[in-house]
């Protein structure tokens, strides 16, 4: 391997280490749940996206096992060749019904869903306008598209309208304009105002698209997402999401008009050139959708836990930003300090990951926490007690 590559990587990593900003991922040796085992020690898990605790749900596990017994472990190819199974079709039908749209399409991950949908639908002569705090997969999808682009200030829909007016009137764009926003913003836990967004989209004949990764299973009736939670289902155009959070498996989906799905099947490169999800994954996703429909108690428990823990952090004096969802940041404002807080939390029994530049601006460095329906109130109170101890140790409260 070229010596200059080794030297360059070494220098970059050393620079991160000097600022306490390089940490190898922790290795877990237990199932996803309220508590996990790291380095032989059981700790309270607050850095996992399995909002409803369905990773070990008996119906989900059994569905995956049965799929392996019947179909084996892989799909064998990309879907347009020989990789589409009846499991894929059934799963898409369930997702479409759950989201109350005409159709759905599975992708290999939430990341490839966003990249595939944005880069495929926005072509030369089109224009994409994106919230400045959108997920990296949306940003990369915009970069890969041949459309022009603009960024609106976070949740500033007056600014969005200015950019739409400029695109239509000043720039004279007559092609499609795609407006993309996260539903729940993954680092801050705040929620897009989809009603305000869709109103300006309709005014300037723009297509509305939401990434509901952190909202599916979390917001709205039975967790149908931000579009349903905010009552704009009949006005909203496209939804994309992941199948690795409240639905805690792996994969992504598009949900919307059937003709758009057909176009993505014909053109979306992640769909065309990457093998389809294996049978166990698809069966587990389908079972999760069934649980969302049939067992609303998990959703209710998630919100009970969210309110308890969020209020507990605020009562201790921590800065939790603008979060109104189970994603609750503990903002400390310095990357090294966020890393240190994460480190001593783990020492004392809580796994909560530090988040810092480039994931967020340095001044907004934080430890990000996420509660789930699988936590007991005793788990969360113990975690709050540990946060209090560690916060005092670092002079944060």
Protein backbone atom coordinates (compact mmCIF):
# COMPACT_ATOMS: atom_id res chain seq x y z
CA UNK A 1 0.00 0.00 0.00
CA UNK A 2 1.23 3.48 -0.85
CA UNK A 3 3.31 4.96 1.96
CA UNK A 4 1.71 8.40 1.57
CA UNK A 5 -1.75 6.94 2.31
CA UNK A 6 -0.52 5.28 5.52
CA UNK A 7 1.21 8.50 6.58
CA UNK A 8 -1.83 10.62 5.81
CA UNK A 9 -4.26 8.36 7.71
CA UNK A 10 -1.86 8.17 10.68
CA UNK A 11 -1.57 11.95 10.88
CA UNK A 12 -5.32 12.42 10.67
CA UNK A 13 -6.03 9.85 13.39
CA UNK A 14 -3.30 11.26 15.64
CA UNK A 15 -4.84 14.72 15.28
CA UNK A 16 -8.21 13.38 16.42
CA UNK A 17 -6.62 11.52 19.32
CA UNK A 18 -4.84 14.67 20.49
CA UNK A 19 -8.24 16.35 20.79
CA UNK A 20 -9.79 13.26 22.45
CA UNK A 21 -12.08 12.87 19.44
CA UNK A 22 -11.12 9.38 18.25
CA UNK A 23 -12.77 6.39 19.87
CA UNK A 24 -13.21 2.89 18.50
CA UNK A 25 -16.79 1.59 18.68
CA UNK A 26 -17.66 -0.33 21.81
CA UNK A 27 -18.20 -4.06 21.31
CA UNK A 28 -21.39 -5.51 22.77
CA UNK A 29 -21.75 -9.18 23.68
CA UNK A 30 -25.48 -9.35 24.36
CA UNK A 31 -28.82 -8.77 22.67
CA UNK A 32 -30.11 -5.25 22.15
CA UNK A 33 -32.14 -4.22 25.18
CA UNK A 34 -32.45 -1.91 28.15
CA UNK A 35 -29.13 -3.26 29.45
CA UNK A 36 -26.23 -4.59 27.39
CA UNK A 37 -22.90 -6.21 28.14
CA UNK A 38 -19.76 -4.26 27.21
CA UNK A 39 -16.30 -5.53 28.19
CA UNK A 40 -17.95 -8.11 30.43
CA UNK A 41 -19.93 -5.48 32.35
CA UNK A 42 -23.68 -4.98 32.20
CA UNK A 43 -24.63 -1.33 31.66
CA UNK A 44 -27.80 0.65 30.98
CA UNK A 45 -28.14 1.21 27.24
CA UNK A 46 -29.02 4.77 26.18
CA UNK A 47 -27.40 4.81 22.73
CA UNK A 48 -29.62 2.50 20.76
CA UNK A 49 -32.40 3.31 18.29
CA UNK A 50 -34.59 0.29 19.11
CA UNK A 51 -37.31 2.59 20.42
CA UNK A 52 -39.93 -0.05 21.06
CA UNK A 53 -37.65 -2.83 22.27
CA UNK A 54 -38.71 -5.20 19.48
CA UNK A 55 -35.28 -6.72 18.79
CA UNK A 56 -36.08 -9.69 21.00
CA UNK A 57 -39.87 -9.71 20.63
CA UNK A 58 -40.89 -13.39 20.38
CA UNK A 59 -43.01 -12.87 17.24
CA UNK A 60 -40.16 -11.07 15.48
CA UNK A 61 -37.53 -13.64 16.41
CA UNK A 62 -39.79 -16.54 15.43
CA UNK A 63 -40.58 -14.96 12.05
CA UNK A 64 -36.86 -14.63 11.27
CA UNK A 65 -36.19 -18.26 12.24
CA UNK A 66 -39.04 -19.58 10.11
CA UNK A 67 -37.85 -17.57 7.12
CA UNK A 68 -34.37 -19.07 7.34
CA UNK A 69 -35.82 -22.57 7.57
CA UNK A 70 -37.95 -22.02 4.45
CA UNK A 71 -35.82 -19.69 2.29
CA UNK A 72 -32.24 -20.02 3.54
CA UNK A 73 -29.99 -17.09 4.42
CA UNK A 74 -29.79 -15.00 1.24
CA UNK A 75 -31.82 -13.77 -1.71
CA UNK A 76 -29.18 -14.68 -4.27
CA UNK A 77 -29.10 -11.54 -6.41
CA UNK A 78 -30.28 -8.02 -6.98
CA UNK A 79 -34.06 -7.88 -7.16
CA UNK A 80 -34.49 -7.13 -10.88
CA UNK A 81 -32.57 -10.33 -11.72
CA UNK A 82 -33.58 -13.08 -9.31
CA UNK A 83 -33.51 -11.51 -5.88
CA UNK A 84 -37.19 -10.67 -5.39
CA UNK A 85 -39.03 -13.13 -3.16
CA UNK A 86 -42.67 -13.22 -2.17
CA UNK A 87 -41.44 -12.09 1.27
CA UNK A 88 -40.25 -8.78 -0.23
CA UNK A 89 -43.58 -8.16 -1.93
CA UNK A 90 -45.58 -9.01 1.20
CA UNK A 91 -43.39 -6.78 3.36
CA UNK A 92 -43.81 -3.84 0.99
CA UNK A 93 -47.56 -4.28 1.01
CA UNK A 94 -47.57 -4.23 4.83
CA UNK A 95 -45.46 -1.07 4.97
CA UNK A 96 -47.70 0.67 2.41
CA UNK A 97 -50.80 -0.28 4.38
CA UNK A 98 -49.22 0.88 7.66
CA UNK A 99 -48.23 4.21 6.12
CA UNK A 100 -51.61 4.43 4.34
CA UNK A 101 -50.08 5.04 0.92
CA UNK A 102 -50.39 3.38 -2.46
CA UNK A 103 -47.11 1.49 -2.43
CA UNK A 104 -43.75 0.94 -0.78
CA UNK A 105 -40.32 -0.22 -1.92
CA UNK A 106 -37.60 -1.87 0.18
CA UNK A 107 -33.99 -0.72 0.09
CA UNK A 108 -30.93 -2.24 1.75
CA UNK A 109 -30.66 0.55 4.35
CA UNK A 110 -32.16 3.88 5.29
CA UNK A 111 -29.03 5.49 3.88
CA UNK A 112 -29.42 3.86 0.45
CA UNK A 113 -33.14 4.68 0.47
CA UNK A 114 -32.43 8.40 0.79
CA UNK A 115 -29.51 8.34 -1.62
CA UNK A 116 -31.49 6.29 -4.12
CA UNK A 117 -34.70 8.30 -4.00
CA UNK A 118 -33.17 11.78 -4.05
CA UNK A 119 -30.51 11.08 -6.68
CA UNK A 120 -32.97 9.23 -8.92
CA UNK A 121 -35.90 11.64 -8.80
CA UNK A 122 -33.87 14.87 -9.03
CA UNK A 123 -32.39 15.01 -12.53
CA UNK A 124 -30.70 17.67 -14.65
CA UNK A 125 -32.87 20.80 -14.79
CA UNK A 126 -34.47 20.02 -11.42
CA UNK A 127 -33.78 21.68 -8.08
CA UNK A 128 -33.50 20.29 -4.54
CA UNK A 129 -34.01 22.37 -1.38
CA UNK A 130 -32.92 20.76 1.87
CA UNK A 131 -33.07 21.64 5.58
CA UNK A 132 -29.56 22.49 6.80
CA UNK A 133 -29.70 19.81 9.52
CA UNK A 134 -30.88 16.96 7.31
CA UNK A 135 -29.28 13.54 7.63
CA UNK A 136 -26.02 12.81 5.80
CA UNK A 137 -27.78 10.35 3.50
CA UNK A 138 -30.01 13.15 2.18
CA UNK A 139 -26.98 15.39 1.70
CA UNK A 140 -25.18 12.65 -0.23
CA UNK A 141 -28.28 11.97 -2.33
CA UNK A 142 -28.40 15.64 -3.30
CA UNK A 143 -24.69 15.60 -4.15
CA UNK A 144 -25.14 12.56 -6.40
CA UNK A 145 -28.12 14.04 -8.24
CA UNK A 146 -27.69 16.20 -11.33
CA UNK A 147 -30.07 18.82 -9.93
CA UNK A 148 -29.12 22.25 -8.61
CA UNK A 149 -29.52 22.69 -4.87
CA UNK A 150 -30.18 25.17 -2.07
CA UNK A 151 -30.21 24.89 1.73
CA UNK A 152 -32.78 26.52 3.98
CA UNK A 153 -32.14 27.48 7.58
CA UNK A 154 -33.23 24.82 10.04
CA UNK A 155 -37.03 24.73 10.25
CA UNK A 156 -37.21 28.27 8.84
CA UNK A 157 -40.13 27.96 6.42
CA UNK A 158 -40.09 31.64 5.55
CA UNK A 159 -36.57 31.09 4.28
CA UNK A 160 -37.77 28.00 2.43
CA UNK A 161 -40.43 30.12 0.73
CA UNK A 162 -37.82 32.71 -0.25
CA UNK A 163 -35.71 29.97 -1.85
CA UNK A 164 -38.71 28.48 -3.65
CA UNK A 165 -39.74 31.88 -4.98
CA UNK A 166 -36.18 32.54 -6.11
CA UNK A 167 -36.00 29.17 -7.86
CA UNK A 168 -39.26 29.64 -9.74
CA UNK A 169 -39.11 33.36 -10.48
CA UNK A 170 -35.49 34.51 -10.46
CA UNK A 171 -33.76 31.33 -11.63
CA UNK A 172 -36.64 30.33 -13.87
CA UNK A 173 -36.58 26.66 -12.91
CA UNK A 174 -39.44 24.93 -14.68
CA UNK A 175 -38.46 21.37 -13.78
CA UNK A 176 -39.27 19.53 -10.60
CA UNK A 177 -38.40 21.07 -7.25
CA UNK A 178 -37.91 18.58 -4.44
CA UNK A 179 -38.09 19.86 -0.85
CA UNK A 180 -36.58 17.39 1.61
CA UNK A 181 -36.67 17.40 5.40
CA UNK A 182 -36.06 15.02 8.26
CA UNK A 183 -39.20 14.33 10.27
CA UNK A 184 -37.37 14.01 13.58
CA UNK A 185 -33.87 15.48 13.49
CA UNK A 186 -31.63 12.72 14.76
CA UNK A 187 -29.10 14.77 16.73
CA UNK A 188 -31.45 17.22 18.45
CA UNK A 189 -34.74 15.36 18.73
CA UNK A 190 -36.79 18.26 17.40
CA UNK A 191 -39.50 17.81 14.78
CA UNK A 192 -40.10 19.46 11.40
CA UNK A 193 -43.29 21.49 10.94
CA UNK A 194 -44.65 19.54 7.99
CA UNK A 195 -47.81 21.63 7.76
CA UNK A 196 -45.78 24.83 7.26
CA UNK A 197 -43.50 22.97 4.85
CA UNK A 198 -46.25 21.52 2.68
CA UNK A 199 -48.09 24.84 2.45
CA UNK A 200 -45.13 26.55 0.79
CA UNK A 201 -44.48 23.48 -1.35
CA UNK A 202 -48.03 23.61 -2.69
CA UNK A 203 -47.73 27.35 -3.33
CA UNK A 204 -44.69 26.85 -5.60
CA UNK A 205 -45.57 23.43 -7.06
CA UNK A 206 -42.78 21.64 -5.21
CA UNK A 207 -42.62 17.97 -4.22
CA UNK A 208 -42.56 17.31 -0.47
CA UNK A 209 -40.36 14.51 0.91
CA UNK A 210 -39.73 13.52 4.53
CA UNK A 211 -37.20 11.14 6.02
CA UNK A 212 -39.19 9.53 8.84
CA UNK A 213 -36.32 7.40 10.19
CA UNK A 214 -36.71 8.52 13.83
CA UNK A 215 -40.49 9.02 13.60
CA UNK A 216 -41.73 5.70 12.23
CA UNK A 217 -42.94 3.73 15.23
CA UNK A 218 -42.54 6.80 17.43
CA UNK A 219 -44.89 9.63 16.34
CA UNK A 220 -48.52 9.52 15.35
CA UNK A 221 -51.22 6.89 15.81
CA UNK A 222 -49.47 3.51 16.26
CA UNK A 223 -46.26 5.25 15.19
CA UNK A 224 -47.31 5.94 11.60
CA UNK A 225 -44.93 8.92 11.51
CA UNK A 226 -44.77 12.69 11.30
CA UNK A 227 -47.08 12.99 8.29
CA UNK A 228 -49.93 11.34 10.21
CA UNK A 229 -49.01 12.96 13.52
CA UNK A 230 -49.37 16.43 11.96
CA UNK A 231 -52.48 15.67 9.91
CA UNK A 232 -51.00 16.27 6.44
CA UNK A 233 -51.24 12.72 5.08
CA UNK A 234 -53.54 13.70 2.21
CA UNK A 235 -51.23 16.56 1.14
CA UNK A 236 -47.77 15.00 1.54
CA UNK A 237 -45.98 13.42 -1.43
CA UNK A 238 -43.09 11.11 -0.48
CA UNK A 239 -41.82 9.36 2.64
CA UNK A 240 -38.52 7.57 3.14
CA UNK A 241 -37.38 5.82 6.28
CA UNK A 242 -35.22 3.20 7.89
CA UNK A 243 -35.99 -0.28 9.20
CA UNK A 244 -33.29 -0.21 11.86
CA UNK A 245 -34.83 1.93 14.61
CA UNK A 246 -38.34 1.40 16.01
CA UNK A 247 -38.41 -1.43 13.50
CA UNK A 248 -35.03 -2.68 14.76
CA UNK A 249 -33.76 -4.85 11.93
CA UNK A 250 -31.95 -3.38 8.92
CA UNK A 251 -33.04 -1.79 5.65
CA UNK A 252 -34.93 1.20 4.35
CA UNK A 253 -38.13 1.96 2.50
CA UNK A 254 -39.83 4.39 0.14
CA UNK A 255 -43.56 4.97 0.63
CA UNK A 256 -45.71 6.86 -1.85
CA UNK A 257 -47.38 6.70 -5.28
CA UNK A 258 -47.14 3.43 -7.20
CA UNK A 259 -45.82 5.10 -10.35
CA UNK A 260 -42.92 6.62 -8.36
CA UNK A 261 -42.11 3.17 -6.99
CA UNK A 262 -42.07 1.81 -10.54
CA UNK A 263 -39.71 4.56 -11.64
CA UNK A 264 -37.37 3.79 -8.74
CA UNK A 265 -37.42 0.10 -9.67
CA UNK A 266 -36.37 1.06 -13.19
CA UNK A 267 -33.76 3.70 -12.29
CA UNK A 268 -32.58 3.73 -8.66
CA UNK A 269 -29.00 2.49 -8.57
CA UNK A 270 -29.03 1.08 -5.00
CA UNK A 271 -32.05 -1.03 -5.98
CA UNK A 272 -30.54 -2.10 -9.30
CA UNK A 273 -26.99 -2.84 -8.22
CA UNK A 274 -27.08 -4.14 -4.65
CA UNK A 275 -28.42 -7.50 -3.48
CA UNK A 276 -31.82 -7.50 -1.83
CA UNK A 277 -32.39 -8.01 1.89
CA UNK A 278 -32.13 -11.62 3.09
CA UNK A 279 -35.24 -13.59 4.05
CA UNK A 280 -34.75 -13.42 7.84
CA UNK A 281 -34.45 -9.64 7.70
CA UNK A 282 -37.56 -9.17 5.57
CA UNK A 283 -39.62 -11.56 7.68
CA UNK A 284 -38.52 -9.81 10.88
CA UNK A 285 -39.48 -6.41 9.43
CA UNK A 286 -42.91 -7.74 8.45
CA UNK A 287 -43.43 -9.10 11.95
CA UNK A 288 -42.45 -5.73 13.43
CA UNK A 289 -45.08 -3.98 11.33
CA UNK A 290 -47.63 -6.48 12.66
CA UNK A 291 -46.59 -5.63 16.22
CA UNK A 292 -46.95 -1.90 15.52
CA UNK A 293 -50.49 -2.50 14.32
CA UNK A 294 -51.53 -4.97 17.02
CA UNK A 295 -49.65 -4.01 20.21
CA UNK A 296 -49.90 -0.25 20.89
CA UNK A 297 -48.69 -0.71 24.48
CA UNK A 298 -45.06 -0.54 23.32
CA UNK A 299 -45.64 2.90 21.81
CA UNK A 300 -47.38 4.12 24.98
CA UNK A 301 -44.54 2.83 27.19
CA UNK A 302 -41.94 4.58 25.01
CA UNK A 303 -43.60 7.96 25.61
CA UNK A 304 -44.08 7.33 29.32
CA UNK A 305 -40.35 6.63 29.61
CA UNK A 306 -39.43 9.58 27.40
CA UNK A 307 -41.31 12.09 29.55
CA UNK A 308 -39.87 10.67 32.78
CA UNK A 309 -36.24 10.69 31.64
CA UNK A 310 -36.36 14.00 29.80
CA UNK A 311 -37.86 15.75 32.81
CA UNK A 312 -35.28 14.09 35.06
CA UNK A 313 -32.39 15.47 33.01
CA UNK A 314 -33.92 18.96 33.01
CA UNK A 315 -34.48 18.82 36.77
CA UNK A 316 -30.78 18.00 37.23
CA UNK A 317 -29.90 21.14 35.28
CA UNK A 318 -28.67 19.61 32.03
CA UNK A 319 -29.19 21.41 28.71
CA UNK A 320 -31.41 19.16 26.59
CA UNK A 321 -31.83 21.62 23.73
CA UNK A 322 -35.09 21.64 21.75
CA UNK A 323 -35.88 17.94 21.94
CA UNK A 324 -39.52 16.86 22.07
CA UNK A 325 -38.92 13.19 21.20
CA UNK A 326 -37.12 10.19 22.74
CA UNK A 327 -33.87 11.55 21.25
CA UNK A 328 -32.61 13.75 24.10
CA UNK A 329 -29.20 15.44 23.82
CA UNK A 330 -27.20 16.47 26.87
CA UNK A 331 -25.37 19.44 25.36
CA UNK A 332 -21.98 20.28 26.91
CA UNK A 333 -20.51 22.50 24.17
CA UNK A 334 -17.05 20.96 23.88
CA UNK A 335 -16.06 17.80 22.00
CA UNK A 336 -13.42 16.62 24.47
CA UNK A 337 -15.79 17.20 27.39
CA UNK A 338 -18.59 15.29 25.64
CA UNK A 339 -16.20 12.39 25.05
CA UNK A 340 -15.11 12.49 28.70
CA UNK A 341 -18.71 12.53 29.95
CA UNK A 342 -19.48 9.48 27.80
CA UNK A 343 -16.38 7.74 29.16
CA UNK A 344 -17.16 8.23 32.85
CA UNK A 345 -20.84 7.42 32.33
CA UNK A 346 -19.76 4.05 30.96
CA UNK A 347 -17.39 3.59 33.89
CA UNK A 348 -20.31 4.03 36.26
CA UNK A 349 -22.82 1.91 34.34
CA UNK A 350 -24.47 3.96 31.54
CA UNK A 351 -23.68 3.63 27.85
CA UNK A 352 -24.47 6.99 26.21
CA UNK A 353 -22.35 7.96 23.24
CA UNK A 354 -20.56 11.27 22.83
CA UNK A 355 -21.45 13.20 19.67
CA UNK A 356 -19.12 15.90 18.38
CA UNK A 357 -17.65 17.42 15.22
CA UNK A 358 -18.10 16.50 12.38
CA UNK A 359 -21.45 15.00 13.42
CA UNK A 360 -22.44 18.30 15.08
CA UNK A 361 -20.74 21.71 15.36
CA UNK A 362 -18.08 21.81 18.09
CA UNK A 363 -20.06 24.29 20.21
CA UNK A 364 -23.03 21.89 20.23
CA UNK A 365 -21.09 18.77 21.28
CA UNK A 366 -23.21 16.50 23.41
CA UNK A 367 -23.93 13.08 24.79
CA UNK A 368 -26.99 11.81 22.98
CA UNK A 369 -29.47 9.68 24.89
CA UNK A 370 -32.35 7.60 23.59
CA UNK A 371 -34.79 5.79 25.84
CA UNK A 372 -36.89 2.84 24.76
CA UNK A 373 -40.04 1.01 25.75
CA UNK A 374 -37.86 -1.78 27.12
CA UNK A 375 -36.48 0.40 29.94
CA UNK A 376 -38.09 0.16 33.34
CA UNK A 377 -38.51 3.29 35.42
CA UNK A 378 -35.91 1.83 37.80
CA UNK A 379 -33.44 1.62 34.87
CA UNK A 380 -34.04 5.26 34.03
CA UNK A 381 -33.84 6.49 37.61
CA UNK A 382 -30.54 4.66 38.03
CA UNK A 383 -29.30 6.29 34.84
CA UNK A 384 -30.35 9.73 36.09
CA UNK A 385 -28.49 9.15 39.36
CA UNK A 386 -25.36 8.28 37.38
CA UNK A 387 -25.78 11.36 35.17
CA UNK A 388 -26.00 13.47 38.32
CA UNK A 389 -22.79 11.98 39.72
CA UNK A 390 -20.85 12.33 36.46
CA UNK A 391 -22.22 15.80 35.73
CA UNK A 392 -21.02 16.99 39.11
CA UNK A 393 -17.63 15.38 38.55
CA UNK A 394 -17.14 17.37 35.34
CA UNK A 395 -18.69 20.56 36.69
CA UNK A 396 -21.59 20.45 34.23
CA UNK A 397 -24.35 20.87 36.83
